[in-house]
Amino acid sequence: MRKINNLSKILDVALTRSCNYNCSWCNQRYDLTKPMYDMKDSPRLIVNNKIRSGSEWIEGLNANPWKDEYDKLVFSGGEPSLHQDFFDIVANVKGYKSKIVVTNLSFDVNKLISACQAAKTHVIVQPSFHFEFVSFDTFLGKMMILDKYHMLSHFIPASIVDLPDRKEPRNFANKFREKGYGISVYKFEGYYKGKFIYADIKGFGSLGDLRSVYCSSCGHFVCPNGDIVFCPSDTYSDGNKPYGNICDKIYKRIETRRVCDYYGACHISSASWIKVESLETQNVIWKGKNFRNRNLLNLFRMYFERKNYRWLAKIKNLYNNFFY
């Protein structure tokens, strides 16, 4: 099997899979004792939601011998701010090229700003607007505070999921743009009201297509218990052999390409991060929107994202106002 070493890679750390919202379209529910659904006939439980302490995360991530290989470290969930040591973790993990928090912005942003200032570190926040649970004015106010301290992402100032039968996402996106923020409206991924959206029905999330394929991943994912796994699908399935454990300081080099024998049973969240190829012909079967090689174009992209220039927001807002 040939090796692939030129992928643009991220390390995505799920501090918890819990969420304090319960959006009608989301498959990551508040109550983790109940099945979650990304297909109408396929209940999936989120596994390994054991919470590790802040000191375990800080020490383990800082000691990671391969942290220089990642273009960015992402704190995600669920909602990462639900971790009791969220502010300490985000502020005191250091040595990565960039740190990004993907969040619903339900926490006190001033506490995050203070923690990062005290630790003399920089964090970029990419908020997601969940219109069923938060008011526009409250969310916008928090964005503006983060913007003042240069902590709001100017590459993705905020995002909203686009739903096929709801007008709110586009309407709110226009309101944000009127305030000068180039909001990203992204396509919904998964099952919504009985209809499968995003990936080929004979691919991700299709239990009737359990073929073996080559799989390459641009993301390495860390479960709430610290286990490092190959792709998002592995965080939703029992029985996967982890590549070490961050919190236990067990580090193993993660392969960038492997054989997957359960393509079709993979969780839909995997789709955007990986490339799937035929075992026989090595022809591409699927290539996700977040799968990128570390070529010159993406090196520039990552550089500008890390620098977080404010003029990126202005250009993106002008672009969105023109095309939408």
Protein backbone atom coordinates (compact mmCIF):
# COMPACT_ATOMS: atom_id res chain seq x y z
CA MET A 1 0.00 0.00 0.00
CA ARG A 2 1.43 3.37 -0.98
CA LYS A 3 1.88 6.02 1.68
CA ILE A 4 0.26 9.44 1.51
CA ASN A 5 2.20 12.08 3.45
CA ASN A 6 1.02 15.32 1.86
CA LEU A 7 -2.42 15.64 3.43
CA SER A 8 -3.53 18.81 5.18
CA LYS A 9 -4.24 17.43 8.65
CA ILE A 10 -6.18 18.57 11.70
CA LEU A 11 -6.46 17.14 15.19
CA ASP A 12 -10.10 17.37 16.30
CA VAL A 13 -10.60 16.99 20.05
CA ALA A 14 -14.13 16.32 21.33
CA LEU A 15 -13.94 17.38 24.98
CA THR A 16 -17.48 16.00 25.30
CA ARG A 17 -20.19 14.80 22.95
CA SER A 18 -22.89 16.35 25.14
CA CYS A 19 -24.73 19.48 24.05
CA ASN A 20 -26.88 21.97 25.95
CA TYR A 21 -29.08 22.49 22.89
CA ASN A 22 -31.44 19.99 21.31
CA CYS A 23 -31.85 21.27 17.76
CA SER A 24 -34.59 19.54 15.81
CA TRP A 25 -32.25 18.56 12.97
CA CYS A 26 -29.18 17.48 14.97
CA ASN A 27 -28.05 13.90 15.58
CA GLN A 28 -26.01 14.80 18.69
CA ARG A 29 -28.68 14.90 21.34
CA TYR A 30 -28.53 16.28 24.83
CA ASP A 31 -29.38 12.94 26.47
CA LEU A 32 -26.60 10.53 25.54
CA THR A 33 -28.43 7.54 27.03
CA LYS A 34 -30.87 7.63 24.12
CA PRO A 35 -30.12 6.50 20.57
CA MET A 36 -29.09 9.14 18.07
CA TYR A 37 -30.07 8.84 14.43
CA ASP A 38 -28.26 9.70 11.26
CA MET A 39 -30.49 7.21 9.41
CA LYS A 40 -34.16 6.56 10.09
CA ASP A 41 -33.57 2.82 10.59
CA SER A 42 -30.13 2.89 12.21
CA PRO A 43 -29.87 3.93 15.89
CA ARG A 44 -26.34 5.03 16.86
CA LEU A 45 -25.15 5.62 20.40
CA ILE A 46 -22.29 8.00 21.00
CA VAL A 47 -19.64 5.93 22.75
CA ASN A 48 -16.69 6.75 24.99
CA ASN A 49 -18.18 9.91 26.46
CA LYS A 50 -16.10 9.54 29.63
CA ILE A 51 -14.98 13.02 30.69
CA ARG A 52 -11.26 13.52 31.34
CA SER A 53 -9.89 16.23 33.60
CA GLY A 54 -8.49 19.52 32.35
CA SER A 55 -4.98 18.66 33.56
CA GLU A 56 -5.08 15.36 31.65
CA TRP A 57 -6.02 17.17 28.43
CA ILE A 58 -3.45 19.93 28.88
CA GLU A 59 -0.56 17.63 29.73
CA GLY A 60 -1.46 15.06 27.08
CA LEU A 61 -1.96 17.50 24.21
CA ASN A 62 1.16 19.49 25.10
CA ALA A 63 3.27 16.33 25.16
CA ASN A 64 2.00 15.08 21.80
CA PRO A 65 5.21 14.28 19.85
CA TRP A 66 3.55 14.84 16.48
CA LYS A 67 1.73 18.11 17.11
CA ASP A 68 3.89 19.91 14.51
CA GLU A 69 2.35 17.72 11.80
CA TYR A 70 -1.11 19.23 12.27
CA ASP A 71 -2.20 22.40 10.53
CA LYS A 72 -4.57 23.14 13.36
CA LEU A 73 -5.96 21.83 16.63
CA VAL A 74 -9.76 22.01 16.88
CA PHE A 75 -11.76 21.82 20.11
CA SER A 76 -15.23 20.54 19.27
CA GLY A 77 -18.05 18.39 20.64
CA GLY A 78 -20.97 18.26 21.17
CA GLU A 79 -20.43 21.62 22.80
CA PRO A 80 -16.85 21.90 24.12
CA SER A 81 -17.63 24.66 26.62
CA LEU A 82 -19.68 22.16 28.67
CA HIS A 83 -16.42 20.67 29.92
CA GLN A 84 -15.87 22.00 33.44
CA ASP A 85 -12.25 22.95 32.63
CA PHE A 86 -12.97 24.34 29.17
CA PHE A 87 -11.32 27.74 29.69
CA ASP A 88 -8.16 26.28 31.24
CA ILE A 89 -7.80 23.64 28.52
CA VAL A 90 -8.19 26.02 25.60
CA ALA A 91 -5.87 28.62 27.11
CA ASN A 92 -3.08 26.33 28.33
CA VAL A 93 -2.68 23.88 25.45
CA LYS A 94 0.23 25.29 23.46
CA GLY A 95 2.68 24.49 20.68
CA TYR A 96 0.19 23.89 17.85
CA LYS A 97 0.20 25.99 14.68
CA SER A 98 -3.28 27.27 15.49
CA LYS A 99 -6.08 26.57 17.98
CA ILE A 100 -9.72 26.76 16.93
CA VAL A 101 -12.88 26.38 19.01
CA VAL A 102 -16.06 25.26 17.22
CA THR A 103 -18.92 26.25 19.49
CA ASN A 104 -22.54 27.36 19.83
CA LEU A 105 -21.23 30.36 21.82
CA SER A 106 -23.44 29.66 24.84
CA PHE A 107 -20.63 30.45 27.32
CA ASP A 108 -19.30 33.72 28.77
CA VAL A 109 -16.88 34.88 26.08
CA ASN A 110 -15.22 37.32 28.49
CA LYS A 111 -14.00 34.37 30.58
CA LEU A 112 -12.35 32.84 27.51
CA ILE A 113 -10.73 36.16 26.62
CA SER A 114 -9.38 36.57 30.18
CA ALA A 115 -8.05 33.00 30.30
CA CYS A 116 -6.21 33.40 26.99
CA GLN A 117 -4.76 36.75 28.01
CA ALA A 118 -3.51 35.30 31.29
CA ALA A 119 -1.89 32.36 29.47
CA LYS A 120 -0.53 34.64 26.71
CA THR A 121 -2.01 32.48 24.00
CA HIS A 122 -4.24 33.02 20.99
CA VAL A 123 -7.42 31.16 20.06
CA ILE A 124 -9.70 31.52 17.05
CA VAL A 125 -13.42 30.97 17.66
CA GLN A 126 -15.70 29.64 14.91
CA PRO A 127 -19.26 29.92 16.27
CA SER A 128 -22.33 28.15 14.94
CA PHE A 129 -25.69 29.93 15.17
CA HIS A 130 -28.53 27.68 16.35
CA PHE A 131 -31.58 29.86 15.81
CA GLU A 132 -33.95 27.57 17.73
CA PHE A 133 -32.12 28.23 21.02
CA VAL A 134 -30.45 31.65 20.98
CA SER A 135 -31.52 35.14 19.98
CA PHE A 136 -29.83 36.94 17.12
CA ASP A 137 -28.91 39.96 19.24
CA THR A 138 -27.34 37.89 22.03
CA PHE A 139 -25.28 35.85 19.59
CA LEU A 140 -24.21 38.90 17.59
CA GLY A 141 -23.16 40.69 20.77
CA LYS A 142 -20.82 37.85 21.72
CA MET A 143 -19.39 37.78 18.21
CA MET A 144 -18.64 41.48 18.41
CA ILE A 145 -16.81 41.08 21.74
CA LEU A 146 -14.65 38.30 20.29
CA ASP A 147 -14.06 40.40 17.18
CA LYS A 148 -12.83 43.30 19.33
CA TYR A 149 -10.11 41.05 20.78
CA HIS A 150 -9.27 39.51 17.40
CA MET A 151 -10.53 36.08 18.50
CA LEU A 152 -13.47 35.75 16.13
CA SER A 153 -12.61 33.78 13.00
CA HIS A 154 -12.57 36.04 9.97
CA PHE A 155 -12.36 33.00 7.72
CA ILE A 156 -15.62 31.57 9.10
CA PRO A 157 -17.11 34.32 11.34
CA ALA A 158 -20.11 32.05 12.03
CA SER A 159 -21.99 29.24 10.35
CA ILE A 160 -25.63 28.24 9.95
CA VAL A 161 -26.94 24.90 8.76
CA ASP A 162 -29.11 25.13 5.62
CA LEU A 163 -32.29 23.09 5.95
CA PRO A 164 -34.41 22.18 2.91
CA ASP A 165 -37.75 23.31 4.37
CA ARG A 166 -36.75 26.22 6.64
CA LYS A 167 -36.40 29.86 5.67
CA GLU A 168 -34.70 30.96 8.89
CA PRO A 169 -31.11 29.97 7.93
CA ARG A 170 -30.97 32.21 4.85
CA ASN A 171 -32.90 35.00 6.55
CA PHE A 172 -30.54 35.06 9.54
CA ALA A 173 -27.52 34.81 7.26
CA ASN A 174 -28.66 37.98 5.51
CA LYS A 175 -29.07 39.72 8.89
CA PHE A 176 -25.50 38.84 9.86
CA ARG A 177 -24.21 40.06 6.51
CA GLU A 178 -26.01 43.36 6.98
CA LYS A 179 -23.95 43.71 10.17
CA GLY A 180 -20.75 43.06 8.21
CA TYR A 181 -20.18 39.38 8.97
CA GLY A 182 -19.79 36.92 6.11
CA ILE A 183 -21.74 33.99 7.52
CA SER A 184 -21.24 30.52 6.02
CA VAL A 185 -24.44 28.65 5.21
CA TYR A 186 -23.46 25.00 4.93
CA LYS A 187 -25.36 22.07 3.53
CA PHE A 188 -27.07 19.80 6.02
CA GLU A 189 -25.47 16.36 6.36
CA GLY A 190 -27.50 13.28 7.23
CA TYR A 191 -31.13 12.18 7.56
CA TYR A 192 -33.70 14.92 7.86
CA LYS A 193 -37.40 14.11 8.22
CA GLY A 194 -36.99 10.74 6.55
CA LYS A 195 -34.92 11.95 3.63
CA PHE A 196 -31.22 11.26 3.20
CA ILE A 197 -29.21 14.37 2.31
CA TYR A 198 -25.59 15.03 1.33
CA ALA A 199 -23.88 11.73 0.44
CA ASP A 200 -24.68 9.04 -2.13
CA ILE A 201 -27.30 6.68 -0.66
CA LYS A 202 -24.96 3.80 -1.56
CA GLY A 203 -22.13 5.38 0.40
CA PHE A 204 -21.95 6.81 3.89
CA GLY A 205 -24.81 5.77 6.12
CA SER A 206 -26.07 3.08 3.74
CA LEU A 207 -26.15 -0.20 5.63
CA GLY A 208 -26.76 -2.08 2.39
CA ASP A 209 -23.35 -1.18 0.95
CA LEU A 210 -20.77 -2.77 3.28
CA ARG A 211 -17.90 -3.01 0.79
CA SER A 212 -14.17 -2.75 1.49
CA VAL A 213 -12.37 0.37 0.26
CA TYR A 214 -9.21 2.41 0.72
CA CYS A 215 -9.85 5.34 3.02
CA SER A 216 -7.66 8.45 3.50
CA SER A 217 -8.48 10.96 6.23
CA CYS A 218 -7.47 14.61 6.68
CA GLY A 219 -8.70 14.59 10.25
CA HIS A 220 -7.58 12.63 13.28
CA PHE A 221 -10.24 12.60 15.95
CA VAL A 222 -9.99 12.34 19.71
CA CYS A 223 -12.89 10.94 21.74
CA PRO A 224 -13.96 12.45 25.09
CA ASN A 225 -12.10 9.62 26.87
CA GLY A 226 -8.87 10.61 25.07
CA ASP A 227 -8.79 7.77 22.51
CA ILE A 228 -7.31 8.83 19.16
CA VAL A 229 -9.18 7.36 16.18
CA PHE A 230 -8.89 7.47 12.41
CA CYS A 231 -12.12 9.19 11.39
CA PRO A 232 -15.34 10.62 12.90
CA SER A 233 -17.20 7.37 12.28
CA ASP A 234 -14.93 5.63 14.78
CA THR A 235 -16.10 7.98 17.55
CA TYR A 236 -19.64 6.61 17.13
CA SER A 237 -18.78 2.90 17.03
CA ASP A 238 -17.62 0.41 19.65
CA GLY A 239 -14.77 -1.99 19.00
CA ASN A 240 -12.36 0.35 17.19
CA LYS A 241 -8.72 -0.05 18.13
CA PRO A 242 -7.48 3.46 19.03
CA TYR A 243 -4.14 4.93 18.01
CA GLY A 244 -3.14 5.60 21.61
CA ASN A 245 -4.77 7.93 24.09
CA ILE A 246 -3.98 11.62 24.49
CA CYS A 247 -4.95 11.86 28.16
CA ASP A 248 -2.98 8.73 29.06
CA LYS A 249 0.02 9.99 27.05
CA ILE A 250 -0.01 6.94 24.79
CA TYR A 251 0.96 8.11 21.32
CA LYS A 252 1.01 6.04 18.13
CA ARG A 253 1.59 7.34 14.63
CA ILE A 254 -1.68 7.38 12.74
CA GLU A 255 -1.73 6.02 9.23
CA THR A 256 -3.13 8.39 6.62
CA ARG A 257 -4.57 5.62 4.42
CA ARG A 258 -6.09 2.32 5.47
CA VAL A 259 -8.50 -0.37 4.33
CA CYS A 260 -12.03 0.13 5.62
CA ASP A 261 -14.20 -2.99 5.54
CA TYR A 262 -17.45 -1.33 6.60
CA TYR A 263 -17.94 1.46 4.09
CA GLY A 264 -21.68 1.97 4.08
CA ALA A 265 -21.99 1.58 7.83
CA CYS A 266 -19.77 4.62 8.36
CA HIS A 267 -21.34 7.53 10.19
CA ILE A 268 -22.37 10.38 7.92
CA SER A 269 -20.11 12.81 9.78
CA SER A 270 -17.10 11.09 8.21
CA ALA A 271 -18.09 12.10 4.72
CA SER A 272 -16.62 15.58 4.56
CA TRP A 273 -13.15 14.62 5.83
CA ILE A 274 -12.11 11.61 3.81
CA LYS A 275 -11.38 10.26 0.36
CA VAL A 276 -12.57 6.77 -0.57
CA GLU A 277 -10.95 4.72 -3.34
CA SER A 278 -11.66 1.36 -4.92
CA LEU A 279 -9.41 -1.48 -3.74
CA GLU A 280 -9.23 -2.87 -7.25
CA THR A 281 -8.78 0.21 -9.44
CA GLN A 282 -7.89 2.88 -6.84
CA ASN A 283 -10.38 5.15 -8.60
CA VAL A 284 -11.95 7.77 -6.34
CA ILE A 285 -15.42 6.77 -5.12
CA TRP A 286 -15.96 9.74 -2.80
CA LYS A 287 -14.03 12.87 -1.94
CA GLY A 288 -15.30 15.07 0.90
CA LYS A 289 -15.36 18.86 0.94
CA ASN A 290 -12.77 19.03 3.76
CA PHE A 291 -10.36 16.55 2.21
CA ARG A 292 -7.34 18.55 1.04
CA ASN A 293 -3.78 17.90 0.02
CA ARG A 294 -1.04 20.12 1.40
CA ASN A 295 -0.46 21.85 -1.93
CA LEU A 296 0.57 25.46 -2.52
CA LEU A 297 -3.03 26.71 -2.65
CA ASN A 298 -3.96 25.14 0.68
CA LEU A 299 -0.73 26.24 2.32
CA PHE A 300 -1.76 29.82 1.49
CA ARG A 301 -5.28 29.09 2.74
CA MET A 302 -4.01 27.75 6.07
CA TYR A 303 -1.60 30.66 6.47
CA PHE A 304 -4.36 33.25 6.06
CA GLU A 305 -6.68 31.28 8.34
CA ARG A 306 -4.02 31.21 11.09
CA LYS A 307 -3.25 34.91 10.70
CA ASN A 308 -6.98 35.64 10.90
CA TYR A 309 -6.76 38.94 9.01
CA ARG A 310 -9.81 41.16 9.43
CA TRP A 311 -9.89 42.01 5.74
CA LEU A 312 -10.82 38.37 5.06
CA ALA A 313 -14.20 39.03 6.66
CA LYS A 314 -14.79 42.08 4.47
CA ILE A 315 -13.92 40.21 1.27
CA LYS A 316 -16.09 37.24 2.25
CA ASN A 317 -19.01 39.51 3.14
CA LEU A 318 -18.77 41.30 -0.22
CA TYR A 319 -18.61 37.92 -1.98
CA ASN A 320 -21.67 36.59 -0.14
CA ASN A 321 -23.66 39.78 -0.70
CA PHE A 322 -22.94 39.55 -4.42
CA PHE A 323 -23.65 35.85 -4.95
CA TYR A 324 -26.51 35.39 -2.48
